[in-house]
Protein backbone atom coordinates (compact mmCIF):
# COMPACT_ATOMS: atom_id res chain seq x y z
CA UNK A 1 0.00 0.00 0.00
CA UNK A 2 1.46 3.34 -1.05
CA UNK A 3 0.26 6.18 1.16
CA UNK A 4 0.76 9.80 0.24
CA UNK A 5 2.88 12.15 2.35
CA UNK A 6 -0.05 13.92 3.99
CA UNK A 7 -1.68 10.64 5.04
CA UNK A 8 1.56 9.27 6.48
CA UNK A 9 2.15 12.41 8.55
CA UNK A 10 -1.48 12.87 9.64
CA UNK A 11 -1.91 9.21 10.62
CA UNK A 12 1.48 9.08 12.31
CA UNK A 13 0.73 12.14 14.42
CA UNK A 14 -2.74 10.82 15.31
CA UNK A 15 -1.17 7.52 16.39
CA UNK A 16 1.37 9.31 18.60
CA UNK A 17 4.38 8.25 16.53
CA UNK A 18 7.67 10.07 16.92
CA UNK A 19 9.14 12.18 14.12
CA UNK A 20 11.76 9.44 13.64
CA UNK A 21 9.04 6.82 13.15
CA UNK A 22 7.13 9.05 10.75
CA UNK A 23 10.33 9.84 8.84
CA UNK A 24 10.98 6.10 8.47
CA UNK A 25 7.49 5.65 7.01
CA UNK A 26 8.07 8.59 4.65
CA UNK A 27 11.37 7.12 3.49
CA UNK A 28 9.79 3.70 2.99
CA UNK A 29 7.13 5.34 0.81
CA UNK A 30 9.86 6.87 -1.36
CA UNK A 31 9.37 10.44 -0.14
CA UNK A 32 12.25 12.87 0.36
CA UNK A 33 10.16 14.87 2.89
CA UNK A 34 11.35 14.63 6.51
CA UNK A 35 10.01 16.12 9.74
CA UNK A 36 12.52 18.02 11.86
CA UNK A 37 11.92 18.11 15.62
CA UNK A 38 14.28 21.08 15.98
CA UNK A 39 11.87 23.41 14.18
CA UNK A 40 8.83 24.85 15.88
CA UNK A 41 5.24 25.54 14.85
CA UNK A 42 1.76 24.06 15.19
CA UNK A 43 1.20 23.22 11.52
CA UNK A 44 3.18 22.07 8.49
CA UNK A 45 3.10 24.05 5.26
CA UNK A 46 3.91 22.42 1.94
CA UNK A 47 5.54 24.96 -0.37
CA UNK A 48 6.63 22.61 -3.14
CA UNK A 49 10.29 22.74 -2.06
CA UNK A 50 10.50 19.10 -1.00
CA UNK A 51 10.00 19.71 2.69
CA UNK A 52 7.18 20.65 5.00
CA UNK A 53 7.88 23.91 6.80
CA UNK A 54 6.61 24.41 10.36
CA UNK A 55 4.38 27.45 10.72
CA UNK A 56 2.03 28.88 13.32
CA UNK A 57 -1.68 29.00 12.55
CA UNK A 58 -4.19 30.78 14.81
CA UNK A 59 -7.92 30.77 14.07
CA UNK A 60 -7.24 29.30 10.63
CA UNK A 61 -4.78 32.06 9.65
CA UNK A 62 -1.05 31.80 9.08
CA UNK A 63 0.52 34.08 11.69
CA UNK A 64 4.19 33.13 11.45
CA UNK A 65 6.34 31.21 9.04
CA UNK A 66 9.65 31.59 10.78
CA UNK A 67 9.73 27.98 12.07
C-alpha atoms as a PDB file:
ATOM      1  CA  UNK A   1       0.000   0.000   0.000  1.00  0.00           C
ATOM      2  CA  UNK A   2       1.463   3.337  -1.054  1.00  0.00           C
ATOM      3  CA  UNK A   3       0.258   6.183   1.163  1.00  0.00           C
ATOM      4  CA  UNK A   4       0.760   9.803   0.238  1.00  0.00           C
ATOM      5  CA  UNK A   5       2.876  12.154   2.350  1.00  0.00           C
ATOM      6  CA  UNK A   6      -0.049  13.916   3.992  1.00  0.00           C
ATOM      7  CA  UNK A   7      -1.678  10.642   5.036  1.00  0.00           C
ATOM      8  CA  UNK A   8       1.561   9.270   6.477  1.00  0.00           C
ATOM      9  CA  UNK A   9       2.146  12.406   8.555  1.00  0.00           C
ATOM     10  CA  UNK A  10      -1.482  12.870   9.637  1.00  0.00           C
ATOM     11  CA  UNK A  11      -1.911   9.212  10.618  1.00  0.00           C
ATOM     12  CA  UNK A  12       1.483   9.082  12.307  1.00  0.00           C
ATOM     13  CA  UNK A  13       0.735  12.142  14.416  1.00  0.00           C
ATOM     14  CA  UNK A  14      -2.743  10.818  15.312  1.00  0.00           C
ATOM     15  CA  UNK A  15      -1.174   7.517  16.392  1.00  0.00           C
ATOM     16  CA  UNK A  16       1.372   9.314  18.596  1.00  0.00           C
ATOM     17  CA  UNK A  17       4.384   8.250  16.530  1.00  0.00           C
ATOM     18  CA  UNK A  18       7.671  10.073  16.919  1.00  0.00           C
ATOM     19  CA  UNK A  19       9.140  12.179  14.123  1.00  0.00           C
ATOM     20  CA  UNK A  20      11.756   9.444  13.638  1.00  0.00           C
ATOM     21  CA  UNK A  21       9.045   6.815  13.152  1.00  0.00           C
ATOM     22  CA  UNK A  22       7.134   9.049  10.745  1.00  0.00           C
ATOM     23  CA  UNK A  23      10.328   9.835   8.842  1.00  0.00           C
ATOM     24  CA  UNK A  24      10.980   6.100   8.470  1.00  0.00           C
ATOM     25  CA  UNK A  25       7.495   5.653   7.005  1.00  0.00           C
ATOM     26  CA  UNK A  26       8.065   8.590   4.649  1.00  0.00           C
ATOM     27  CA  UNK A  27      11.369   7.123   3.487  1.00  0.00           C
ATOM     28  CA  UNK A  28       9.792   3.697   2.985  1.00  0.00           C
ATOM     29  CA  UNK A  29       7.133   5.343   0.807  1.00  0.00           C
ATOM     30  CA  UNK A  30       9.859   6.875  -1.364  1.00  0.00           C
ATOM     31  CA  UNK A  31       9.373  10.443  -0.144  1.00  0.00           C
ATOM     32  CA  UNK A  32      12.248  12.867   0.362  1.00  0.00           C
ATOM     33  CA  UNK A  33      10.164  14.870   2.886  1.00  0.00           C
ATOM     34  CA  UNK A  34      11.350  14.630   6.514  1.00  0.00           C
ATOM     35  CA  UNK A  35      10.008  16.124   9.735  1.00  0.00           C
ATOM     36  CA  UNK A  36      12.523  18.024  11.857  1.00  0.00           C
ATOM     37  CA  UNK A  37      11.916  18.112  15.623  1.00  0.00           C
ATOM     38  CA  UNK A  38      14.277  21.082  15.984  1.00  0.00           C
ATOM     39  CA  UNK A  39      11.873  23.406  14.175  1.00  0.00           C
ATOM     40  CA  UNK A  40       8.827  24.852  15.885  1.00  0.00           C
ATOM     41  CA  UNK A  41       5.235  25.544  14.855  1.00  0.00           C
ATOM     42  CA  UNK A  42       1.758  24.062  15.193  1.00  0.00           C
ATOM     43  CA  UNK A  43       1.202  23.217  11.517  1.00  0.00           C
ATOM     44  CA  UNK A  44       3.180  22.070   8.493  1.00  0.00           C
ATOM     45  CA  UNK A  45       3.097  24.053   5.259  1.00  0.00           C
ATOM     46  CA  UNK A  46       3.914  22.416   1.943  1.00  0.00           C
ATOM     47  CA  UNK A  47       5.540  24.962  -0.368  1.00  0.00           C
ATOM     48  CA  UNK A  48       6.630  22.611  -3.137  1.00  0.00           C
ATOM     49  CA  UNK A  49      10.286  22.738  -2.059  1.00  0.00           C
ATOM     50  CA  UNK A  50      10.498  19.104  -0.999  1.00  0.00           C
ATOM     51  CA  UNK A  51      10.004  19.709   2.686  1.00  0.00           C
ATOM     52  CA  UNK A  52       7.183  20.647   5.002  1.00  0.00           C
ATOM     53  CA  UNK A  53       7.876  23.912   6.796  1.00  0.00           C
ATOM     54  CA  UNK A  54       6.608  24.409  10.358  1.00  0.00           C
ATOM     55  CA  UNK A  55       4.379  27.455  10.722  1.00  0.00           C
ATOM     56  CA  UNK A  56       2.028  28.879  13.324  1.00  0.00           C
ATOM     57  CA  UNK A  57      -1.682  29.003  12.551  1.00  0.00           C
ATOM     58  CA  UNK A  58      -4.195  30.783  14.810  1.00  0.00           C
ATOM     59  CA  UNK A  59      -7.923  30.773  14.071  1.00  0.00           C
ATOM     60  CA  UNK A  60      -7.236  29.304  10.635  1.00  0.00           C
ATOM     61  CA  UNK A  61      -4.781  32.056   9.655  1.00  0.00           C
ATOM     62  CA  UNK A  62      -1.050  31.800   9.076  1.00  0.00           C
ATOM     63  CA  UNK A  63       0.523  34.076  11.689  1.00  0.00           C
ATOM     64  CA  UNK A  64       4.193  33.132  11.446  1.00  0.00           C
ATOM     65  CA  UNK A  65       6.336  31.213   9.037  1.00  0.00           C
ATOM     66  CA  UNK A  66       9.654  31.586  10.779  1.00  0.00           C
ATOM     67  CA  UNK A  67       9.732  27.981  12.069  1.00  0.00           C
END
